[in-house]
Amino acid sequence: MVDFTVIGEIGDIETFAIGRRIREHKRLRKKYGRGRWRKRKGIATIRLADGTIKRAELHWYEATGIGRRELKIKRYID
């Protein structure tokens, strides 16, 4: 797992799965609670644990009232 911090805002946000169309839906509800779960992606500038700053495509799960959970780097851009 890569440790990173998001710097600034996440842009170009897209939702590509909602509710039961998310493979991990059952696990998300069990771990974080009920909500309208969405799987989303976007582009952001991140700082890696070693101090390197890069642009990356991030994927995460999000639900109203619960917030963003399980951010992960999908790929680096540039």
PDB file of N, CA and C in Angstrom:
ATOM      1  N   MET A   1       0.849  -1.179   0.000  1.00  0.00           N
ATOM      2  CA  MET A   1       0.000   0.000   0.000  1.00  0.00           C
ATOM      3  C   MET A   1       0.895   1.242   0.000  1.00  0.00           C
ATOM      4  N   VAL A   2       0.587   2.208  -0.841  1.00  0.00           N
ATOM      5  CA  VAL A   2       1.352   3.437  -0.940  1.00  0.00           C
ATOM      6  C   VAL A   2       0.737   4.477  -0.012  1.00  0.00           C
ATOM      7  N   ASP A   3       1.569   5.061   0.853  1.00  0.00           N
ATOM      8  CA  ASP A   3       1.114   6.099   1.766  1.00  0.00           C
ATOM      9  C   ASP A   3       1.247   7.443   1.065  1.00  0.00           C
ATOM     10  N   PHE A   4       0.166   8.229   1.028  1.00  0.00           N
ATOM     11  CA  PHE A   4       0.183   9.513   0.337  1.00  0.00           C
ATOM     12  C   PHE A   4      -0.795  10.480   0.963  1.00  0.00           C
ATOM     13  N   THR A   5      -0.624  11.769   0.623  1.00  0.00           N
ATOM     14  CA  THR A   5      -1.510  12.830   1.077  1.00  0.00           C
ATOM     15  C   THR A   5      -1.983  13.592  -0.153  1.00  0.00           C
ATOM     16  N   VAL A   6      -3.272  13.877  -0.224  1.00  0.00           N
ATOM     17  CA  VAL A   6      -3.817  14.664  -1.326  1.00  0.00           C
ATOM     18  C   VAL A   6      -3.530  16.136  -1.051  1.00  0.00           C
ATOM     19  N   ILE A   7      -2.948  16.806  -2.045  1.00  0.00           N
ATOM     20  CA  ILE A   7      -2.631  18.234  -1.928  1.00  0.00           C
ATOM     21  C   ILE A   7      -3.668  18.986  -2.760  1.00  0.00           C
ATOM     22  N   GLY A   8      -4.410  19.871  -2.165  1.00  0.00           N
ATOM     23  CA  GLY A   8      -5.423  20.634  -2.900  1.00  0.00           C
ATOM     24  C   GLY A   8      -6.685  19.831  -3.129  1.00  0.00           C
ATOM     25  N   GLU A   9      -7.361  20.146  -4.224  1.00  0.00           N
ATOM     26  CA  GLU A   9      -8.639  19.509  -4.534  1.00  0.00           C
ATOM     27  C   GLU A   9      -8.495  18.414  -5.578  1.00  0.00           C
ATOM     28  N   ILE A  10      -9.445  17.502  -5.577  1.00  0.00           N
ATOM     29  CA  ILE A  10      -9.510  16.457  -6.589  1.00  0.00           C
ATOM     30  C   ILE A  10     -10.397  16.975  -7.709  1.00  0.00           C
ATOM     31  N   GLY A  11      -9.895  16.929  -8.940  1.00  0.00           N
ATOM     32  CA  GLY A  11     -10.657  17.430 -10.093  1.00  0.00           C
ATOM     33  C   GLY A  11     -11.068  16.312 -11.025  1.00  0.00           C
ATOM     34  N   ASP A  12     -11.858  16.668 -12.050  1.00  0.00           N
ATOM     35  CA  ASP A  12     -12.338  15.714 -13.062  1.00  0.00           C
ATOM     36  C   ASP A  12     -12.982  14.486 -12.419  1.00  0.00           C
ATOM     37  N   ILE A  13     -13.815  14.714 -11.413  1.00  0.00           N
ATOM     38  CA  ILE A  13     -14.437  13.609 -10.677  1.00  0.00           C
ATOM     39  C   ILE A  13     -15.542  12.965 -11.505  1.00  0.00           C
ATOM     40  N   GLU A  14     -15.506  11.645 -11.548  1.00  0.00           N
ATOM     41  CA  GLU A  14     -16.529  10.850 -12.240  1.00  0.00           C
ATOM     42  C   GLU A  14     -17.008   9.746 -11.310  1.00  0.00           C
ATOM     43  N   THR A  15     -18.298   9.459 -11.385  1.00  0.00           N
ATOM     44  CA  THR A  15     -18.869   8.318 -10.674  1.00  0.00           C
ATOM     45  C   THR A  15     -19.023   7.202 -11.698  1.00  0.00           C
ATOM     46  N   PHE A  16     -18.497   6.028 -11.390  1.00  0.00           N
ATOM     47  CA  PHE A  16     -18.625   4.945 -12.368  1.00  0.00           C
ATOM     48  C   PHE A  16     -19.318   3.703 -11.834  1.00  0.00           C
ATOM     49  N   ALA A  17     -19.756   3.724 -10.579  1.00  0.00           N
ATOM     50  CA  ALA A  17     -20.594   2.641 -10.052  1.00  0.00           C
ATOM     51  C   ALA A  17     -21.368   3.169  -8.853  1.00  0.00           C
ATOM     52  N   ILE A  18     -22.625   2.733  -8.736  1.00  0.00           N
ATOM     53  CA  ILE A  18     -23.486   3.183  -7.632  1.00  0.00           C
ATOM     54  C   ILE A  18     -24.181   1.971  -7.020  1.00  0.00           C
ATOM     55  N   GLY A  19     -24.258   1.968  -5.692  1.00  0.00           N
ATOM     56  CA  GLY A  19     -25.018   0.942  -4.970  1.00  0.00           C
ATOM     57  C   GLY A  19     -24.529  -0.469  -5.218  1.00  0.00           C
ATOM     58  N   ARG A  20     -25.439  -1.352  -5.543  1.00  0.00           N
ATOM     59  CA  ARG A  20     -25.104  -2.765  -5.708  1.00  0.00           C
ATOM     60  C   ARG A  20     -24.241  -3.059  -6.920  1.00  0.00           C
ATOM     61  N   ARG A  21     -24.052  -2.088  -7.776  1.00  0.00           N
ATOM     62  CA  ARG A  21     -23.156  -2.287  -8.920  1.00  0.00           C
ATOM     63  C   ARG A  21     -21.694  -2.241  -8.484  1.00  0.00           C
ATOM     64  N   ILE A  22     -21.450  -1.858  -7.235  1.00  0.00           N
ATOM     65  CA  ILE A  22     -20.100  -1.867  -6.669  1.00  0.00           C
ATOM     66  C   ILE A  22     -19.834  -3.269  -6.142  1.00  0.00           C
ATOM     67  N   ARG A  23     -18.757  -3.860  -6.570  1.00  0.00           N
ATOM     68  CA  ARG A  23     -18.408  -5.219  -6.157  1.00  0.00           C
ATOM     69  C   ARG A  23     -18.282  -5.341  -4.633  1.00  0.00           C
ATOM     70  N   GLU A  24     -17.767  -4.303  -3.993  1.00  0.00           N
ATOM     71  CA  GLU A  24     -17.504  -4.311  -2.552  1.00  0.00           C
ATOM     72  C   GLU A  24     -18.669  -3.760  -1.722  1.00  0.00           C
ATOM     73  N   HIS A  25     -19.828  -3.621  -2.285  1.00  0.00           N
ATOM     74  CA  HIS A  25     -20.961  -2.967  -1.632  1.00  0.00           C
ATOM     75  C   HIS A  25     -21.291  -3.565  -0.263  1.00  0.00           C
ATOM     76  N   LYS A  26     -21.388  -4.858  -0.178  1.00  0.00           N
ATOM     77  CA  LYS A  26     -21.745  -5.525   1.076  1.00  0.00           C
ATOM     78  C   LYS A  26     -20.703  -5.243   2.165  1.00  0.00           C
ATOM     79  N   ARG A  27     -19.424  -5.317   1.803  1.00  0.00           N
ATOM     80  CA  ARG A  27     -18.350  -5.054   2.757  1.00  0.00           C
ATOM     81  C   ARG A  27     -18.366  -3.597   3.226  1.00  0.00           C
ATOM     82  N   LEU A  28     -18.609  -2.654   2.305  1.00  0.00           N
ATOM     83  CA  LEU A  28     -18.663  -1.234   2.664  1.00  0.00           C
ATOM     84  C   LEU A  28     -19.780  -0.964   3.663  1.00  0.00           C
ATOM     85  N   ARG A  29     -20.970  -1.517   3.415  1.00  0.00           N
ATOM     86  CA  ARG A  29     -22.096  -1.328   4.332  1.00  0.00           C
ATOM     87  C   ARG A  29     -21.788  -1.900   5.704  1.00  0.00           C
ATOM     88  N   LYS A  30     -21.152  -3.074   5.728  1.00  0.00           N
ATOM     89  CA  LYS A  30     -20.827  -3.714   6.999  1.00  0.00           C
ATOM     90  C   LYS A  30     -19.786  -2.911   7.777  1.00  0.00           C
ATOM     91  N   LYS A  31     -18.776  -2.398   7.084  1.00  0.00           N
ATOM     92  CA  LYS A  31     -17.675  -1.689   7.746  1.00  0.00           C
ATOM     93  C   LYS A  31     -18.011  -0.246   8.116  1.00  0.00           C
ATOM     94  N   TYR A  32     -18.681   0.507   7.196  1.00  0.00           N
ATOM     95  CA  TYR A  32     -18.903   1.940   7.392  1.00  0.00           C
ATOM     96  C   TYR A  32     -20.360   2.328   7.624  1.00  0.00           C
ATOM     97  N   GLY A  33     -21.291   1.443   7.310  1.00  0.00           N
ATOM     98  CA  GLY A  33     -22.702   1.733   7.522  1.00  0.00           C
ATOM     99  C   GLY A  33     -23.464   1.930   6.228  1.00  0.00           C
ATOM    100  N   ARG A  34     -24.778   2.087   6.395  1.00  0.00           N
ATOM    101  CA  ARG A  34     -25.657   2.263   5.235  1.00  0.00           C
ATOM    102  C   ARG A  34     -25.455   3.641   4.634  1.00  0.00           C
ATOM    103  N   GLY A  35     -25.627   3.715   3.354  1.00  0.00           N
ATOM    104  CA  GLY A  35     -25.505   4.978   2.644  1.00  0.00           C
ATOM    105  C   GLY A  35     -25.653   4.715   1.158  1.00  0.00           C
ATOM    106  N   ARG A  36     -25.743   5.761   0.401  1.00  0.00           N
ATOM    107  CA  ARG A  36     -25.797   5.632  -1.057  1.00  0.00           C
ATOM    108  C   ARG A  36     -24.353   5.584  -1.558  1.00  0.00           C
ATOM    109  N   TRP A  37     -23.793   4.388  -1.566  1.00  0.00           N
ATOM    110  CA  TRP A  37     -22.386   4.217  -1.913  1.00  0.00           C
ATOM    111  C   TRP A  37     -22.140   4.431  -3.393  1.00  0.00           C
ATOM    112  N   ARG A  38     -21.055   5.144  -3.678  1.00  0.00           N
ATOM    113  CA  ARG A  38     -20.622   5.389  -5.052  1.00  0.00           C
ATOM    114  C   ARG A  38     -19.145   5.077  -5.158  1.00  0.00           C
ATOM    115  N   LYS A  39     -18.725   4.517  -6.285  1.00  0.00           N
ATOM    116  CA  LYS A  39     -17.304   4.360  -6.561  1.00  0.00           C
ATOM    117  C   LYS A  39     -16.946   5.479  -7.519  1.00  0.00           C
ATOM    118  N   ARG A  40     -15.923   6.267  -7.153  1.00  0.00           N
ATOM    119  CA  ARG A  40     -15.595   7.464  -7.918  1.00  0.00           C
ATOM    120  C   ARG A  40     -14.117   7.495  -8.267  1.00  0.00           C
ATOM    121  N   LYS A  41     -13.799   8.333  -9.262  1.00  0.00           N
ATOM    122  CA  LYS A  41     -12.399   8.545  -9.624  1.00  0.00           C
ATOM    123  C   LYS A  41     -12.187  10.009  -9.957  1.00  0.00           C
ATOM    124  N   GLY A  42     -10.943  10.455  -9.820  1.00  0.00           N
ATOM    125  CA  GLY A  42     -10.596  11.829 -10.114  1.00  0.00           C
ATOM    126  C   GLY A  42      -9.093  12.003 -10.186  1.00  0.00           C
ATOM    127  N   ILE A  43      -8.669  13.199 -10.608  1.00  0.00           N
ATOM    128  CA  ILE A  43      -7.257  13.524 -10.760  1.00  0.00           C
ATOM    129  C   ILE A  43      -6.855  14.491  -9.649  1.00  0.00           C
ATOM    130  N   ALA A  44      -5.697  14.242  -9.030  1.00  0.00           N
ATOM    131  CA  ALA A  44      -5.231  15.115  -7.952  1.00  0.00           C
ATOM    132  C   ALA A  44      -3.710  15.145  -7.908  1.00  0.00           C
ATOM    133  N   THR A  45      -3.191  16.185  -7.280  1.00  0.00           N
ATOM    134  CA  THR A  45      -1.768  16.260  -6.969  1.00  0.00           C
ATOM    135  C   THR A  45      -1.602  15.637  -5.589  1.00  0.00           C
ATOM    136  N   ILE A  46      -0.635  14.730  -5.478  1.00  0.00           N
ATOM    137  CA  ILE A  46      -0.422  14.028  -4.215  1.00  0.00           C
ATOM    138  C   ILE A  46       1.035  14.151  -3.773  1.00  0.00           C
ATOM    139  N   ARG A  47       1.239  13.996  -2.480  1.00  0.00           N
ATOM    140  CA  ARG A  47       2.597  13.932  -1.923  1.00  0.00           C
ATOM    141  C   ARG A  47       2.783  12.530  -1.367  1.00  0.00           C
ATOM    142  N   LEU A  48       3.787  11.832  -1.887  1.00  0.00           N
ATOM    143  CA  LEU A  48       4.091  10.489  -1.425  1.00  0.00           C
ATOM    144  C   LEU A  48       4.846  10.554  -0.095  1.00  0.00           C
ATOM    145  N   ALA A  49       4.969   9.440   0.581  1.00  0.00           N
ATOM    146  CA  ALA A  49       5.624   9.374   1.894  1.00  0.00           C
ATOM    147  C   ALA A  49       7.074   9.858   1.848  1.00  0.00           C
ATOM    148  N   ASP A  50       7.738   9.682   0.701  1.00  0.00           N
ATOM    149  CA  ASP A  50       9.140  10.118   0.581  1.00  0.00           C
ATOM    150  C   ASP A  50       9.277  11.594   0.206  1.00  0.00           C
ATOM    151  N   GLY A  51       8.140  12.313   0.099  1.00  0.00           N
ATOM    152  CA  GLY A  51       8.161  13.739  -0.213  1.00  0.00           C
ATOM    153  C   GLY A  51       7.982  14.080  -1.677  1.00  0.00           C
ATOM    154  N   THR A  52       7.991  13.089  -2.547  1.00  0.00           N
ATOM    155  CA  THR A  52       7.803  13.301  -3.981  1.00  0.00           C
ATOM    156  C   THR A  52       6.385  13.784  -4.253  1.00  0.00           C
ATOM    157  N   ILE A  53       6.259  14.788  -5.136  1.00  0.00           N
ATOM    158  CA  ILE A  53       4.941  15.301  -5.511  1.00  0.00           C
ATOM    159  C   ILE A  53       4.642  14.861  -6.933  1.00  0.00           C
ATOM    160  N   LYS A  54       3.479  14.250  -7.137  1.00  0.00           N
ATOM    161  CA  LYS A  54       3.071  13.733  -8.445  1.00  0.00           C
ATOM    162  C   LYS A  54       1.595  13.989  -8.675  1.00  0.00           C
ATOM    163  N   ARG A  55       1.170  13.903  -9.952  1.00  0.00           N
ATOM    164  CA  ARG A  55      -0.251  13.908 -10.300  1.00  0.00           C
ATOM    165  C   ARG A  55      -0.661  12.456 -10.481  1.00  0.00           C
ATOM    166  N   ALA A  56      -1.853  12.127 -10.014  1.00  0.00           N
ATOM    167  CA  ALA A  56      -2.292  10.740 -10.075  1.00  0.00           C
ATOM    168  C   ALA A  56      -3.797  10.656 -10.252  1.00  0.00           C
ATOM    169  N   GLU A  57      -4.230   9.535 -10.818  1.00  0.00           N
ATOM    170  CA  GLU A  57      -5.653   9.209 -10.857  1.00  0.00           C
ATOM    171  C   GLU A  57      -5.948   8.425  -9.588  1.00  0.00           C
ATOM    172  N   LEU A  58      -6.924   8.901  -8.830  1.00  0.00           N
ATOM    173  CA  LEU A  58      -7.307   8.256  -7.579  1.00  0.00           C
ATOM    174  C   LEU A  58      -8.673   7.614  -7.724  1.00  0.00           C
ATOM    175  N   HIS A  59      -8.889   6.507  -7.039  1.00  0.00           N
ATOM    176  CA  HIS A  59     -10.202   5.869  -6.952  1.00  0.00           C
ATOM    177  C   HIS A  59     -10.563   5.785  -5.482  1.00  0.00           C
ATOM    178  N   TRP A  60     -11.865   5.917  -5.182  1.00  0.00           N
ATOM    179  CA  TRP A  60     -12.323   5.836  -3.792  1.00  0.00           C
ATOM    180  C   TRP A  60     -13.802   5.510  -3.755  1.00  0.00           C
ATOM    181  N   TYR A  61     -14.271   5.173  -2.541  1.00  0.00           N
ATOM    182  CA  TYR A  61     -15.689   4.950  -2.290  1.00  0.00           C
ATOM    183  C   TYR A  61     -16.191   6.146  -1.499  1.00  0.00           C
ATOM    184  N   GLU A  62     -17.450   6.525  -1.728  1.00  0.00           N
ATOM    185  CA  GLU A  62     -18.005   7.693  -1.054  1.00  0.00           C
ATOM    186  C   GLU A  62     -19.493   7.491  -0.827  1.00  0.00           C
ATOM    187  N   ALA A  63     -19.976   7.968   0.327  1.00  0.00           N
ATOM    188  CA  ALA A  63     -21.403   7.932   0.629  1.00  0.00           C
ATOM    189  C   ALA A  63     -21.771   9.215   1.364  1.00  0.00           C
ATOM    190  N   THR A  64     -22.963   9.717   1.081  1.00  0.00           N
ATOM    191  CA  THR A  64     -23.456  10.914   1.746  1.00  0.00           C
ATOM    192  C   THR A  64     -23.526  10.668   3.248  1.00  0.00           C
ATOM    193  N   GLY A  65     -23.017  11.586   4.033  1.00  0.00           N
ATOM    194  CA  GLY A  65     -23.019  11.461   5.476  1.00  0.00           C
ATOM    195  C   GLY A  65     -21.876  10.636   6.034  1.00  0.00           C
ATOM    196  N   ILE A  66     -21.189   9.917   5.177  1.00  0.00           N
ATOM    197  CA  ILE A  66     -20.067   9.086   5.607  1.00  0.00           C
ATOM    198  C   ILE A  66     -18.755   9.664   5.077  1.00  0.00           C
ATOM    199  N   GLY A  67     -18.763  10.130   3.834  1.00  0.00           N
ATOM    200  CA  GLY A  67     -17.579  10.744   3.243  1.00  0.00           C
ATOM    201  C   GLY A  67     -16.758   9.789   2.398  1.00  0.00           C
ATOM    202  N   ARG A  68     -15.569  10.247   2.024  1.00  0.00           N
ATOM    203  CA  ARG A  68     -14.661   9.448   1.196  1.00  0.00           C
ATOM    204  C   ARG A  68     -13.968   8.408   2.052  1.00  0.00           C
ATOM    205  N   ARG A  69     -13.868   7.214   1.491  1.00  0.00           N
ATOM    206  CA  ARG A  69     -13.191   6.122   2.185  1.00  0.00           C
ATOM    207  C   ARG A  69     -12.315   5.374   1.195  1.00  0.00           C
ATOM    208  N   GLU A  70     -11.208   4.861   1.680  1.00  0.00           N
ATOM    209  CA  GLU A  70     -10.331   3.952   0.946  1.00  0.00           C
ATOM    210  C   GLU A  70      -9.790   4.547  -0.352  1.00  0.00           C
ATOM    211  N   LEU A  71      -9.202   5.731  -0.274  1.00  0.00           N
ATOM    212  CA  LEU A  71      -8.557   6.324  -1.444  1.00  0.00           C
ATOM    213  C   LEU A  71      -7.368   5.471  -1.854  1.00  0.00           C
ATOM    214  N   LYS A  72      -7.212   5.264  -3.161  1.00  0.00           N
ATOM    215  CA  LYS A  72      -6.054   4.525  -3.645  1.00  0.00           C
ATOM    216  C   LYS A  72      -5.574   5.130  -4.958  1.00  0.00           C
ATOM    217  N   ILE A  73      -4.294   5.006  -5.198  1.00  0.00           N
ATOM    218  CA  ILE A  73      -3.687   5.492  -6.437  1.00  0.00           C
ATOM    219  C   ILE A  73      -3.904   4.426  -7.494  1.00  0.00           C
ATOM    220  N   LYS A  74      -4.550   4.812  -8.582  1.00  0.00           N
ATOM    221  CA  LYS A  74      -4.774   3.876  -9.671  1.00  0.00           C
ATOM    222  C   LYS A  74      -3.627   3.941 -10.671  1.00  0.00           C
ATOM    223  N   ARG A  75      -3.193   5.175 -11.004  1.00  0.00           N
ATOM    224  CA  ARG A  75      -2.056   5.341 -11.906  1.00  0.00           C
ATOM    225  C   ARG A  75      -1.489   6.739 -11.765  1.00  0.00           C
ATOM    226  N   TYR A  76      -0.214   6.886 -12.105  1.00  0.00           N
ATOM    227  CA  TYR A  76       0.427   8.200 -12.116  1.00  0.00           C
ATOM    228  C   TYR A  76       0.242   8.824 -13.486  1.00  0.00           C
ATOM    229  N   ILE A  77       0.126  10.142 -13.527  1.00  0.00           N
ATOM    230  CA  ILE A  77      -0.053  10.875 -14.773  1.00  0.00           C
ATOM    231  C   ILE A  77       1.203  11.680 -15.025  1.00  0.00           C
ATOM    232  N   ASP A  78       1.719  11.666 -16.226  1.00  0.00           N
ATOM    233  CA  ASP A  78       2.949  12.358 -16.692  1.00  0.00           C
ATOM    234  C   ASP A  78       4.063  11.416 -16.919  1.00  0.00           C
TER     235      ASP A  78
END
